[in-house]
């Protein structure tokens, strides 16, 4: 169960990290904030 759950949520978060990097040009945590407005679908996926 953990193997299946980990594949789903970790795959999601990796893809979201790529979308953030692709759209903003950075993956640095402290340079990223308030992206929920312009990236609603990515924010929803990351939250789930």
ModelCIF file with pLDDT and N, C-alpha, C, O atoms, coordinates in Angstrom:
data_MODEL
#
_entry.id   MODEL 
#
_entity.id                         1 
_entity.type                       polymer 
_entity.pdbx_number_of_molecules   1 
#
_entity_poly.entity_id                      1 
_entity_poly.type                           'polypeptide(L)' 
_entity_poly.nstd_linkage                   no 
_entity_poly.nstd_monomer                   no 
_entity_poly.pdbx_seq_one_letter_code       
;(UNK)(UNK)(UNK)(UNK)(UNK)(UNK)(UNK)(UNK)(UNK)(UNK)(UNK)(UNK)(UNK)(UNK)(UNK)(UNK)
(UNK)(UNK)(UNK)(UNK)(UNK)(UNK)(UNK)(UNK)(UNK)(UNK)(UNK)(UNK)(UNK)(UNK)(UNK)(UNK)
(UNK)(UNK)(UNK)(UNK)(UNK)(UNK)(UNK)(UNK)(UNK)(UNK)(UNK)(UNK)(UNK)(UNK)(UNK)(UNK)
;
_entity_poly.pdbx_seq_one_letter_code_can   XXXXXXXXXXXXXXXXXXXXXXXXXXXXXXXXXXXXXXXXXXXXXXXX 
_entity_poly.pdbx_strand_id                 A 
#
loop_
_entity_poly_seq.entity_id 
_entity_poly_seq.num 
_entity_poly_seq.mon_id 
_entity_poly_seq.hetero 
1 1  UNK n 
1 2  UNK n 
1 3  UNK n 
1 4  UNK n 
1 5  UNK n 
1 6  UNK n 
1 7  UNK n 
1 8  UNK n 
1 9  UNK n 
1 10 UNK n 
1 11 UNK n 
1 12 UNK n 
1 13 UNK n 
1 14 UNK n 
1 15 UNK n 
1 16 UNK n 
1 17 UNK n 
1 18 UNK n 
1 19 UNK n 
1 20 UNK n 
1 21 UNK n 
1 22 UNK n 
1 23 UNK n 
1 24 UNK n 
1 25 UNK n 
1 26 UNK n 
1 27 UNK n 
1 28 UNK n 
1 29 UNK n 
1 30 UNK n 
1 31 UNK n 
1 32 UNK n 
1 33 UNK n 
1 34 UNK n 
1 35 UNK n 
1 36 UNK n 
1 37 UNK n 
1 38 UNK n 
1 39 UNK n 
1 40 UNK n 
1 41 UNK n 
1 42 UNK n 
1 43 UNK n 
1 44 UNK n 
1 45 UNK n 
1 46 UNK n 
1 47 UNK n 
1 48 UNK n 
#
_struct_asym.id          A 
_struct_asym.entity_id   1 
#
loop_
_ma_qa_metric.id 
_ma_qa_metric.mode 
_ma_qa_metric.name 
_ma_qa_metric.software_group_id 
_ma_qa_metric.type 
1 global pLDDT . pLDDT 
2 local  pLDDT . pLDDT 
#
_ma_qa_metric_global.metric_id      1 
_ma_qa_metric_global.metric_value   92.27 
_ma_qa_metric_global.model_id       1 
_ma_qa_metric_global.ordinal_id     1 
#
loop_
_ma_qa_metric_local.label_asym_id 
_ma_qa_metric_local.label_comp_id 
_ma_qa_metric_local.label_seq_id 
_ma_qa_metric_local.metric_id 
_ma_qa_metric_local.metric_value 
_ma_qa_metric_local.model_id 
_ma_qa_metric_local.ordinal_id 
A UNK 1  2 94.00 1 1  
A UNK 2  2 95.00 1 2  
A UNK 3  2 95.00 1 3  
A UNK 4  2 95.00 1 4  
A UNK 5  2 95.00 1 5  
A UNK 6  2 95.00 1 6  
A UNK 7  2 94.00 1 7  
A UNK 8  2 95.00 1 8  
A UNK 9  2 95.00 1 9  
A UNK 10 2 94.00 1 10 
A UNK 11 2 94.00 1 11 
A UNK 12 2 95.00 1 12 
A UNK 13 2 95.00 1 13 
A UNK 14 2 95.00 1 14 
A UNK 15 2 94.00 1 15 
A UNK 16 2 94.00 1 16 
A UNK 17 2 94.00 1 17 
A UNK 18 2 92.00 1 18 
A UNK 19 2 93.00 1 19 
A UNK 20 2 93.00 1 20 
A UNK 21 2 92.00 1 21 
A UNK 22 2 91.00 1 22 
A UNK 23 2 90.00 1 23 
A UNK 24 2 92.00 1 24 
A UNK 25 2 89.00 1 25 
A UNK 26 2 91.00 1 26 
A UNK 27 2 90.00 1 27 
A UNK 28 2 90.00 1 28 
A UNK 29 2 89.00 1 29 
A UNK 30 2 85.00 1 30 
A UNK 31 2 88.00 1 31 
A UNK 32 2 89.00 1 32 
A UNK 33 2 87.00 1 33 
A UNK 34 2 87.00 1 34 
A UNK 35 2 90.00 1 35 
A UNK 36 2 88.00 1 36 
A UNK 37 2 86.00 1 37 
A UNK 38 2 89.00 1 38 
A UNK 39 2 91.00 1 39 
A UNK 40 2 92.00 1 40 
A UNK 41 2 94.00 1 41 
A UNK 42 2 93.00 1 42 
A UNK 43 2 93.00 1 43 
A UNK 44 2 95.00 1 44 
A UNK 45 2 95.00 1 45 
A UNK 46 2 95.00 1 46 
A UNK 47 2 96.00 1 47 
A UNK 48 2 96.00 1 48 
#
loop_
_atom_site.group_PDB 
_atom_site.id 
_atom_site.type_symbol 
_atom_site.label_atom_id 
_atom_site.label_alt_id 
_atom_site.label_comp_id 
_atom_site.label_asym_id 
_atom_site.label_entity_id 
_atom_site.label_seq_id 
_atom_site.pdbx_PDB_ins_code 
_atom_site.Cartn_x 
_atom_site.Cartn_y 
_atom_site.Cartn_z 
_atom_site.occupancy 
_atom_site.B_iso_or_equiv 
_atom_site.pdbx_formal_charge 
_atom_site.auth_seq_id 
_atom_site.auth_comp_id 
_atom_site.auth_asym_id 
_atom_site.auth_atom_id 
_atom_site.pdbx_PDB_model_num 
ATOM 1   N N  . UNK A 1 1  ? 0.828  -1.211 0.000   1.00 94.00 ? 1  UNK A N  1 
ATOM 2   C CA . UNK A 1 1  ? 0.000  0.000  0.000   1.00 94.00 ? 1  UNK A CA 1 
ATOM 3   C C  . UNK A 1 1  ? 0.858  1.255  0.000   1.00 94.00 ? 1  UNK A C  1 
ATOM 4   O O  . UNK A 1 1  ? 0.545  2.229  -0.686  1.00 94.00 ? 1  UNK A O  1 
ATOM 5   N N  . UNK A 1 2  ? 1.938  1.231  0.768   1.00 95.00 ? 2  UNK A N  1 
ATOM 6   C CA . UNK A 1 2  ? 2.803  2.409  0.799   1.00 95.00 ? 2  UNK A CA 1 
ATOM 7   C C  . UNK A 1 2  ? 3.520  2.590  -0.531  1.00 95.00 ? 2  UNK A C  1 
ATOM 8   O O  . UNK A 1 2  ? 3.726  3.719  -0.978  1.00 95.00 ? 2  UNK A O  1 
ATOM 9   N N  . UNK A 1 3  ? 3.905  1.475  -1.173  1.00 95.00 ? 3  UNK A N  1 
ATOM 10  C CA . UNK A 1 3  ? 4.566  1.562  -2.476  1.00 95.00 ? 3  UNK A CA 1 
ATOM 11  C C  . UNK A 1 3  ? 3.650  2.237  -3.502  1.00 95.00 ? 3  UNK A C  1 
ATOM 12  O O  . UNK A 1 3  ? 4.086  3.106  -4.256  1.00 95.00 ? 3  UNK A O  1 
ATOM 13  N N  . UNK A 1 4  ? 2.378  1.829  -3.523  1.00 95.00 ? 4  UNK A N  1 
ATOM 14  C CA . UNK A 1 4  ? 1.430  2.418  -4.467  1.00 95.00 ? 4  UNK A CA 1 
ATOM 15  C C  . UNK A 1 4  ? 1.152  3.880  -4.130  1.00 95.00 ? 4  UNK A C  1 
ATOM 16  O O  . UNK A 1 4  ? 1.140  4.734  -5.017  1.00 95.00 ? 4  UNK A O  1 
ATOM 17  N N  . UNK A 1 5  ? 0.930  4.166  -2.855  1.00 95.00 ? 5  UNK A N  1 
ATOM 18  C CA . UNK A 1 5  ? 0.647  5.544  -2.455  1.00 95.00 ? 5  UNK A CA 1 
ATOM 19  C C  . UNK A 1 5  ? 1.834  6.451  -2.747  1.00 95.00 ? 5  UNK A C  1 
ATOM 20  O O  . UNK A 1 5  ? 1.661  7.570  -3.230  1.00 95.00 ? 5  UNK A O  1 
ATOM 21  N N  . UNK A 1 6  ? 3.046  5.966  -2.452  1.00 95.00 ? 6  UNK A N  1 
ATOM 22  C CA . UNK A 1 6  ? 4.238  6.773  -2.686  1.00 95.00 ? 6  UNK A CA 1 
ATOM 23  C C  . UNK A 1 6  ? 4.420  7.067  -4.171  1.00 95.00 ? 6  UNK A C  1 
ATOM 24  O O  . UNK A 1 6  ? 4.770  8.189  -4.536  1.00 95.00 ? 6  UNK A O  1 
ATOM 25  N N  . UNK A 1 7  ? 4.192  6.088  -5.024  1.00 94.00 ? 7  UNK A N  1 
ATOM 26  C CA . UNK A 1 7  ? 4.332  6.317  -6.465  1.00 94.00 ? 7  UNK A CA 1 
ATOM 27  C C  . UNK A 1 7  ? 3.386  7.417  -6.930  1.00 94.00 ? 7  UNK A C  1 
ATOM 28  O O  . UNK A 1 7  ? 3.770  8.260  -7.742  1.00 94.00 ? 7  UNK A O  1 
ATOM 29  N N  . UNK A 1 8  ? 2.155  7.419  -6.426  1.00 95.00 ? 8  UNK A N  1 
ATOM 30  C CA . UNK A 1 8  ? 1.164  8.401  -6.872  1.00 95.00 ? 8  UNK A CA 1 
ATOM 31  C C  . UNK A 1 8  ? 1.490  9.805  -6.377  1.00 95.00 ? 8  UNK A C  1 
ATOM 32  O O  . UNK A 1 8  ? 1.515  10.751 -7.164  1.00 95.00 ? 8  UNK A O  1 
ATOM 33  N N  . UNK A 1 9  ? 1.740  9.945  -5.070  1.00 95.00 ? 9  UNK A N  1 
ATOM 34  C CA . UNK A 1 9  ? 1.950  11.316 -4.585  1.00 95.00 ? 9  UNK A CA 1 
ATOM 35  C C  . UNK A 1 9  ? 3.336  11.845 -4.935  1.00 95.00 ? 9  UNK A C  1 
ATOM 36  O O  . UNK A 1 9  ? 3.489  13.044 -5.168  1.00 95.00 ? 9  UNK A O  1 
ATOM 37  N N  . UNK A 1 10 ? 4.358  10.974 -4.979  1.00 94.00 ? 10 UNK A N  1 
ATOM 38  C CA . UNK A 1 10 ? 5.683  11.482 -5.306  1.00 94.00 ? 10 UNK A CA 1 
ATOM 39  C C  . UNK A 1 10 ? 5.791  11.798 -6.800  1.00 94.00 ? 10 UNK A C  1 
ATOM 40  O O  . UNK A 1 10 ? 6.446  12.767 -7.182  1.00 94.00 ? 10 UNK A O  1 
ATOM 41  N N  . UNK A 1 11 ? 5.157  10.993 -7.635  1.00 94.00 ? 11 UNK A N  1 
ATOM 42  C CA . UNK A 1 11 ? 5.119  11.324 -9.053  1.00 94.00 ? 11 UNK A CA 1 
ATOM 43  C C  . UNK A 1 11 ? 4.427  12.656 -9.288  1.00 94.00 ? 11 UNK A C  1 
ATOM 44  O O  . UNK A 1 11 ? 4.876  13.460 -10.105 1.00 94.00 ? 11 UNK A O  1 
ATOM 45  N N  . UNK A 1 12 ? 3.342  12.887 -8.577  1.00 95.00 ? 12 UNK A N  1 
ATOM 46  C CA . UNK A 1 12 ? 2.626  14.164 -8.691  1.00 95.00 ? 12 UNK A CA 1 
ATOM 47  C C  . UNK A 1 12 ? 3.522  15.330 -8.304  1.00 95.00 ? 12 UNK A C  1 
ATOM 48  O O  . UNK A 1 12 ? 3.611  16.317 -9.033  1.00 95.00 ? 12 UNK A O  1 
ATOM 49  N N  . UNK A 1 13 ? 4.177  15.219 -7.172  1.00 95.00 ? 13 UNK A N  1 
ATOM 50  C CA . UNK A 1 13 ? 4.981  16.340 -6.668  1.00 95.00 ? 13 UNK A CA 1 
ATOM 51  C C  . UNK A 1 13 ? 6.188  16.609 -7.569  1.00 95.00 ? 13 UNK A C  1 
ATOM 52  O O  . UNK A 1 13 ? 6.569  17.764 -7.758  1.00 95.00 ? 13 UNK A O  1 
ATOM 53  N N  . UNK A 1 14 ? 6.788  15.561 -8.123  1.00 95.00 ? 14 UNK A N  1 
ATOM 54  C CA . UNK A 1 14 ? 7.893  15.787 -9.067  1.00 95.00 ? 14 UNK A CA 1 
ATOM 55  C C  . UNK A 1 14 ? 7.404  16.542 -10.298 1.00 95.00 ? 14 UNK A C  1 
ATOM 56  O O  . UNK A 1 14 ? 8.053  17.480 -10.759 1.00 95.00 ? 14 UNK A O  1 
ATOM 57  N N  . UNK A 1 15 ? 6.258  16.125 -10.826 1.00 94.00 ? 15 UNK A N  1 
ATOM 58  C CA . UNK A 1 15 ? 5.726  16.795 -12.009 1.00 94.00 ? 15 UNK A CA 1 
ATOM 59  C C  . UNK A 1 15 ? 5.330  18.234 -11.707 1.00 94.00 ? 15 UNK A C  1 
ATOM 60  O O  . UNK A 1 15 ? 5.519  19.120 -12.540 1.00 94.00 ? 15 UNK A O  1 
ATOM 61  N N  . UNK A 1 16 ? 4.783  18.468 -10.522 1.00 94.00 ? 16 UNK A N  1 
ATOM 62  C CA . UNK A 1 16 ? 4.437  19.835 -10.128 1.00 94.00 ? 16 UNK A CA 1 
ATOM 63  C C  . UNK A 1 16 ? 5.701  20.680 -9.984  1.00 94.00 ? 16 UNK A C  1 
ATOM 64  O O  . UNK A 1 16 ? 5.727  21.837 -10.403 1.00 94.00 ? 16 UNK A O  1 
ATOM 65  N N  . UNK A 1 17 ? 6.744  20.104 -9.394  1.00 94.00 ? 17 UNK A N  1 
ATOM 66  C CA . UNK A 1 17 ? 8.011  20.840 -9.274  1.00 94.00 ? 17 UNK A CA 1 
ATOM 67  C C  . UNK A 1 17 ? 8.548  21.213 -10.649 1.00 94.00 ? 17 UNK A C  1 
ATOM 68  O O  . UNK A 1 17 ? 9.094  22.301 -10.832 1.00 94.00 ? 17 UNK A O  1 
ATOM 69  N N  . UNK A 1 18 ? 8.394  20.308 -11.617 1.00 92.00 ? 18 UNK A N  1 
ATOM 70  C CA . UNK A 1 18 ? 8.821  20.621 -12.970 1.00 92.00 ? 18 UNK A CA 1 
ATOM 71  C C  . UNK A 1 18 ? 7.982  21.724 -13.593 1.00 92.00 ? 18 UNK A C  1 
ATOM 72  O O  . UNK A 1 18 ? 8.512  22.592 -14.286 1.00 92.00 ? 18 UNK A O  1 
ATOM 73  N N  . UNK A 1 19 ? 6.673  21.696 -13.352 1.00 93.00 ? 19 UNK A N  1 
ATOM 74  C CA . UNK A 1 19 ? 5.806  22.751 -13.880 1.00 93.00 ? 19 UNK A CA 1 
ATOM 75  C C  . UNK A 1 19 ? 6.169  24.105 -13.295 1.00 93.00 ? 19 UNK A C  1 
ATOM 76  O O  . UNK A 1 19 ? 6.198  25.110 -14.006 1.00 93.00 ? 19 UNK A O  1 
ATOM 77  N N  . UNK A 1 20 ? 6.446  24.131 -11.988 1.00 93.00 ? 20 UNK A N  1 
ATOM 78  C CA . UNK A 1 20 ? 6.836  25.380 -11.334 1.00 93.00 ? 20 UNK A CA 1 
ATOM 79  C C  . UNK A 1 20 ? 8.148  25.900 -11.917 1.00 93.00 ? 20 UNK A C  1 
ATOM 80  O O  . UNK A 1 20 ? 8.273  27.085 -12.227 1.00 93.00 ? 20 UNK A O  1 
ATOM 81  N N  . UNK A 1 21 ? 9.121  25.007 -12.063 1.00 92.00 ? 21 UNK A N  1 
ATOM 82  C CA . UNK A 1 21 ? 10.413 25.400 -12.633 1.00 92.00 ? 21 UNK A CA 1 
ATOM 83  C C  . UNK A 1 21 ? 10.251 25.891 -14.065 1.00 92.00 ? 21 UNK A C  1 
ATOM 84  O O  . UNK A 1 21 ? 10.857 26.887 -14.461 1.00 92.00 ? 21 UNK A O  1 
ATOM 85  N N  . UNK A 1 22 ? 9.436  25.193 -14.834 1.00 91.00 ? 22 UNK A N  1 
ATOM 86  C CA . UNK A 1 22 ? 9.223  25.552 -16.235 1.00 91.00 ? 22 UNK A CA 1 
ATOM 87  C C  . UNK A 1 22 ? 8.528  26.911 -16.364 1.00 91.00 ? 22 UNK A C  1 
ATOM 88  O O  . UNK A 1 22 ? 8.822  27.677 -17.281 1.00 91.00 ? 22 UNK A O  1 
ATOM 89  N N  . UNK A 1 23 ? 7.606  27.205 -15.443 1.00 90.00 ? 23 UNK A N  1 
ATOM 90  C CA . UNK A 1 23 ? 6.817  28.434 -15.542 1.00 90.00 ? 23 UNK A CA 1 
ATOM 91  C C  . UNK A 1 23 ? 7.482  29.630 -14.883 1.00 90.00 ? 23 UNK A C  1 
ATOM 92  O O  . UNK A 1 23 ? 7.262  30.766 -15.302 1.00 90.00 ? 23 UNK A O  1 
ATOM 93  N N  . UNK A 1 24 ? 8.294  29.392 -13.856 1.00 92.00 ? 24 UNK A N  1 
ATOM 94  C CA . UNK A 1 24 ? 8.911  30.507 -13.120 1.00 92.00 ? 24 UNK A CA 1 
ATOM 95  C C  . UNK A 1 24 ? 10.400 30.633 -13.367 1.00 92.00 ? 24 UNK A C  1 
ATOM 96  O O  . UNK A 1 24 ? 10.970 31.704 -13.154 1.00 92.00 ? 24 UNK A O  1 
ATOM 97  N N  . UNK A 1 25 ? 11.051 29.550 -13.818 1.00 89.00 ? 25 UNK A N  1 
ATOM 98  C CA . UNK A 1 25 ? 12.491 29.589 -14.046 1.00 89.00 ? 25 UNK A CA 1 
ATOM 99  C C  . UNK A 1 25 ? 13.322 29.298 -12.825 1.00 89.00 ? 25 UNK A C  1 
ATOM 100 O O  . UNK A 1 25 ? 14.537 29.494 -12.853 1.00 89.00 ? 25 UNK A O  1 
ATOM 101 N N  . UNK A 1 26 ? 12.700 28.828 -11.733 1.00 91.00 ? 26 UNK A N  1 
ATOM 102 C CA . UNK A 1 26 ? 13.455 28.524 -10.518 1.00 91.00 ? 26 UNK A CA 1 
ATOM 103 C C  . UNK A 1 26 ? 12.779 27.396 -9.753  1.00 91.00 ? 26 UNK A C  1 
ATOM 104 O O  . UNK A 1 26 ? 11.567 27.200 -9.849  1.00 91.00 ? 26 UNK A O  1 
ATOM 105 N N  . UNK A 1 27 ? 13.591 26.649 -8.983  1.00 90.00 ? 27 UNK A N  1 
ATOM 106 C CA . UNK A 1 27 ? 13.075 25.623 -8.075  1.00 90.00 ? 27 UNK A CA 1 
ATOM 107 C C  . UNK A 1 27 ? 13.435 25.938 -6.633  1.00 90.00 ? 27 UNK A C  1 
ATOM 108 O O  . UNK A 1 27 ? 13.179 25.132 -5.739  1.00 90.00 ? 27 UNK A O  1 
ATOM 109 N N  . UNK A 1 28 ? 14.024 27.093 -6.402  1.00 90.00 ? 28 UNK A N  1 
ATOM 110 C CA . UNK A 1 28 ? 14.430 27.474 -5.047  1.00 90.00 ? 28 UNK A CA 1 
ATOM 111 C C  . UNK A 1 28 ? 13.213 27.787 -4.197  1.00 90.00 ? 28 UNK A C  1 
ATOM 112 O O  . UNK A 1 28 ? 12.375 28.608 -4.570  1.00 90.00 ? 28 UNK A O  1 
ATOM 113 N N  . UNK A 1 29 ? 13.123 27.129 -3.059  1.00 89.00 ? 29 UNK A N  1 
ATOM 114 C CA . UNK A 1 29 ? 11.945 27.203 -2.207  1.00 89.00 ? 29 UNK A CA 1 
ATOM 115 C C  . UNK A 1 29 ? 11.621 28.630 -1.783  1.00 89.00 ? 29 UNK A C  1 
ATOM 116 O O  . UNK A 1 29 ? 10.460 29.038 -1.820  1.00 89.00 ? 29 UNK A O  1 
ATOM 117 N N  . UNK A 1 30 ? 12.627 29.385 -1.384  1.00 85.00 ? 30 UNK A N  1 
ATOM 118 C CA . UNK A 1 30 ? 12.380 30.713 -0.826  1.00 85.00 ? 30 UNK A CA 1 
ATOM 119 C C  . UNK A 1 30 ? 12.176 31.778 -1.899  1.00 85.00 ? 30 UNK A C  1 
ATOM 120 O O  . UNK A 1 30 ? 11.931 32.941 -1.579  1.00 85.00 ? 30 UNK A O  1 
ATOM 121 N N  . UNK A 1 31 ? 12.278 31.390 -3.166  1.00 88.00 ? 31 UNK A N  1 
ATOM 122 C CA . UNK A 1 31 ? 11.945 32.316 -4.246  1.00 88.00 ? 31 UNK A CA 1 
ATOM 123 C C  . UNK A 1 31 ? 10.541 32.075 -4.787  1.00 88.00 ? 31 UNK A C  1 
ATOM 124 O O  . UNK A 1 31 ? 10.106 32.758 -5.714  1.00 88.00 ? 31 UNK A O  1 
ATOM 125 N N  . UNK A 1 32 ? 9.832  31.109 -4.212  1.00 89.00 ? 32 UNK A N  1 
ATOM 126 C CA . UNK A 1 32 ? 8.516  30.719 -4.702  1.00 89.00 ? 32 UNK A CA 1 
ATOM 127 C C  . UNK A 1 32 ? 7.457  31.012 -3.649  1.00 89.00 ? 32 UNK A C  1 
ATOM 128 O O  . UNK A 1 32 ? 7.568  30.550 -2.513  1.00 89.00 ? 32 UNK A O  1 
ATOM 129 N N  . UNK A 1 33 ? 6.460  31.752 -4.004  1.00 87.00 ? 33 UNK A N  1 
ATOM 130 C CA . UNK A 1 33 ? 5.361  32.037 -3.086  1.00 87.00 ? 33 UNK A CA 1 
ATOM 131 C C  . UNK A 1 33 ? 4.146  32.552 -3.860  1.00 87.00 ? 33 UNK A C  1 
ATOM 132 O O  . UNK A 1 33 ? 4.268  33.183 -4.910  1.00 87.00 ? 33 UNK A O  1 
ATOM 133 N N  . UNK A 1 34 ? 2.982  32.260 -3.304  1.00 87.00 ? 34 UNK A N  1 
ATOM 134 C CA . UNK A 1 34 ? 1.704  32.742 -3.830  1.00 87.00 ? 34 UNK A CA 1 
ATOM 135 C C  . UNK A 1 34 ? 1.496  32.350 -5.295  1.00 87.00 ? 34 UNK A C  1 
ATOM 136 O O  . UNK A 1 34 ? 1.042  33.155 -6.109  1.00 87.00 ? 34 UNK A O  1 
ATOM 137 N N  . UNK A 1 35 ? 1.837  31.095 -5.613  1.00 90.00 ? 35 UNK A N  1 
ATOM 138 C CA . UNK A 1 35 ? 1.634  30.613 -6.979  1.00 90.00 ? 35 UNK A CA 1 
ATOM 139 C C  . UNK A 1 35 ? 0.258  29.990 -7.180  1.00 90.00 ? 35 UNK A C  1 
ATOM 140 O O  . UNK A 1 35 ? -0.079 29.592 -8.295  1.00 90.00 ? 35 UNK A O  1 
ATOM 141 N N  . UNK A 1 36 ? -0.539 29.900 -6.122  1.00 88.00 ? 36 UNK A N  1 
ATOM 142 C CA . UNK A 1 36 ? -1.852 29.283 -6.220  1.00 88.00 ? 36 UNK A CA 1 
ATOM 143 C C  . UNK A 1 36 ? -2.795 30.017 -7.139  1.00 88.00 ? 36 UNK A C  1 
ATOM 144 O O  . UNK A 1 36 ? -3.690 29.407 -7.724  1.00 88.00 ? 36 UNK A O  1 
ATOM 145 N N  . UNK A 1 37 ? -2.612 31.324 -7.278  1.00 86.00 ? 37 UNK A N  1 
ATOM 146 C CA . UNK A 1 37 ? -3.487 32.092 -8.163  1.00 86.00 ? 37 UNK A CA 1 
ATOM 147 C C  . UNK A 1 37 ? -3.232 31.814 -9.625  1.00 86.00 ? 37 UNK A C  1 
ATOM 148 O O  . UNK A 1 37 ? -4.132 31.353 -10.327 1.00 86.00 ? 37 UNK A O  1 
ATOM 149 N N  . UNK A 1 38 ? -2.029 32.080 -10.105 1.00 89.00 ? 38 UNK A N  1 
ATOM 150 C CA . UNK A 1 38 ? -1.768 31.856 -11.539 1.00 89.00 ? 38 UNK A CA 1 
ATOM 151 C C  . UNK A 1 38 ? -1.614 30.381 -11.911 1.00 89.00 ? 38 UNK A C  1 
ATOM 152 O O  . UNK A 1 38 ? -1.721 30.040 -13.089 1.00 89.00 ? 38 UNK A O  1 
ATOM 153 N N  . UNK A 1 39 ? -1.365 29.496 -10.941 1.00 91.00 ? 39 UNK A N  1 
ATOM 154 C CA . UNK A 1 39 ? -1.177 28.075 -11.239 1.00 91.00 ? 39 UNK A CA 1 
ATOM 155 C C  . UNK A 1 39 ? -2.149 27.247 -10.393 1.00 91.00 ? 39 UNK A C  1 
ATOM 156 O O  . UNK A 1 39 ? -1.737 26.424 -9.575  1.00 91.00 ? 39 UNK A O  1 
ATOM 157 N N  . UNK A 1 40 ? -3.426 27.480 -10.604 1.00 92.00 ? 40 UNK A N  1 
ATOM 158 C CA . UNK A 1 40 ? -4.452 26.848 -9.763  1.00 92.00 ? 40 UNK A CA 1 
ATOM 159 C C  . UNK A 1 40 ? -4.439 25.330 -9.880  1.00 92.00 ? 40 UNK A C  1 
ATOM 160 O O  . UNK A 1 40 ? -4.499 24.636 -8.865  1.00 92.00 ? 40 UNK A O  1 
ATOM 161 N N  . UNK A 1 41 ? -4.361 24.798 -11.111 1.00 94.00 ? 41 UNK A N  1 
ATOM 162 C CA . UNK A 1 41 ? -4.398 23.350 -11.284 1.00 94.00 ? 41 UNK A CA 1 
ATOM 163 C C  . UNK A 1 41 ? -3.167 22.676 -10.679 1.00 94.00 ? 41 UNK A C  1 
ATOM 164 O O  . UNK A 1 41 ? -3.276 21.624 -10.049 1.00 94.00 ? 41 UNK A O  1 
ATOM 165 N N  . UNK A 1 42 ? -2.001 23.284 -10.871 1.00 93.00 ? 42 UNK A N  1 
ATOM 166 C CA . UNK A 1 42 ? -0.790 22.735 -10.262 1.00 93.00 ? 42 UNK A CA 1 
ATOM 167 C C  . UNK A 1 42 ? -0.879 22.804 -8.747  1.00 93.00 ? 42 UNK A C  1 
ATOM 168 O O  . UNK A 1 42 ? -0.468 21.869 -8.060  1.00 93.00 ? 42 UNK A O  1 
ATOM 169 N N  . UNK A 1 43 ? -1.422 23.925 -8.205  1.00 93.00 ? 43 UNK A N  1 
ATOM 170 C CA . UNK A 1 43 ? -1.586 24.050 -6.757  1.00 93.00 ? 43 UNK A CA 1 
ATOM 171 C C  . UNK A 1 43 ? -2.554 23.021 -6.212  1.00 93.00 ? 43 UNK A C  1 
ATOM 172 O O  . UNK A 1 43 ? -2.333 22.472 -5.133  1.00 93.00 ? 43 UNK A O  1 
ATOM 173 N N  . UNK A 1 44 ? -3.637 22.752 -6.954  1.00 95.00 ? 44 UNK A N  1 
ATOM 174 C CA . UNK A 1 44 ? -4.596 21.738 -6.524  1.00 95.00 ? 44 UNK A CA 1 
ATOM 175 C C  . UNK A 1 44 ? -3.954 20.361 -6.507  1.00 95.00 ? 44 UNK A C  1 
ATOM 176 O O  . UNK A 1 44 ? -4.118 19.607 -5.547  1.00 95.00 ? 44 UNK A O  1 
ATOM 177 N N  . UNK A 1 45 ? -3.218 20.026 -7.574  1.00 95.00 ? 45 UNK A N  1 
ATOM 178 C CA . UNK A 1 45 ? -2.547 18.723 -7.630  1.00 95.00 ? 45 UNK A CA 1 
ATOM 179 C C  . UNK A 1 45 ? -1.536 18.583 -6.503  1.00 95.00 ? 45 UNK A C  1 
ATOM 180 O O  . UNK A 1 45 ? -1.465 17.533 -5.864  1.00 95.00 ? 45 UNK A O  1 
ATOM 181 N N  . UNK A 1 46 ? -0.743 19.639 -6.248  1.00 95.00 ? 46 UNK A N  1 
ATOM 182 C CA . UNK A 1 46 ? 0.253  19.586 -5.183  1.00 95.00 ? 46 UNK A CA 1 
ATOM 183 C C  . UNK A 1 46 ? -0.409 19.421 -3.825  1.00 95.00 ? 46 UNK A C  1 
ATOM 184 O O  . UNK A 1 46 ? 0.093  18.686 -2.974  1.00 95.00 ? 46 UNK A O  1 
ATOM 185 N N  . UNK A 1 47 ? -1.525 20.095 -3.618  1.00 96.00 ? 47 UNK A N  1 
ATOM 186 C CA . UNK A 1 47 ? -2.217 20.008 -2.322  1.00 96.00 ? 47 UNK A CA 1 
ATOM 187 C C  . UNK A 1 47 ? -2.764 18.609 -2.095  1.00 96.00 ? 47 UNK A C  1 
ATOM 188 O O  . UNK A 1 47 ? -2.607 18.053 -1.008  1.00 96.00 ? 47 UNK A O  1 
ATOM 189 N N  . UNK A 1 48 ? -3.407 18.030 -3.108  1.00 96.00 ? 48 UNK A N  1 
ATOM 190 C CA . UNK A 1 48 ? -3.935 16.672 -2.961  1.00 96.00 ? 48 UNK A CA 1 
ATOM 191 C C  . UNK A 1 48 ? -2.811 15.670 -2.705  1.00 96.00 ? 48 UNK A C  1 
ATOM 192 O O  . UNK A 1 48 ? -3.071 14.476 -2.556  1.00 96.00 ? 48 UNK A O  1 
#
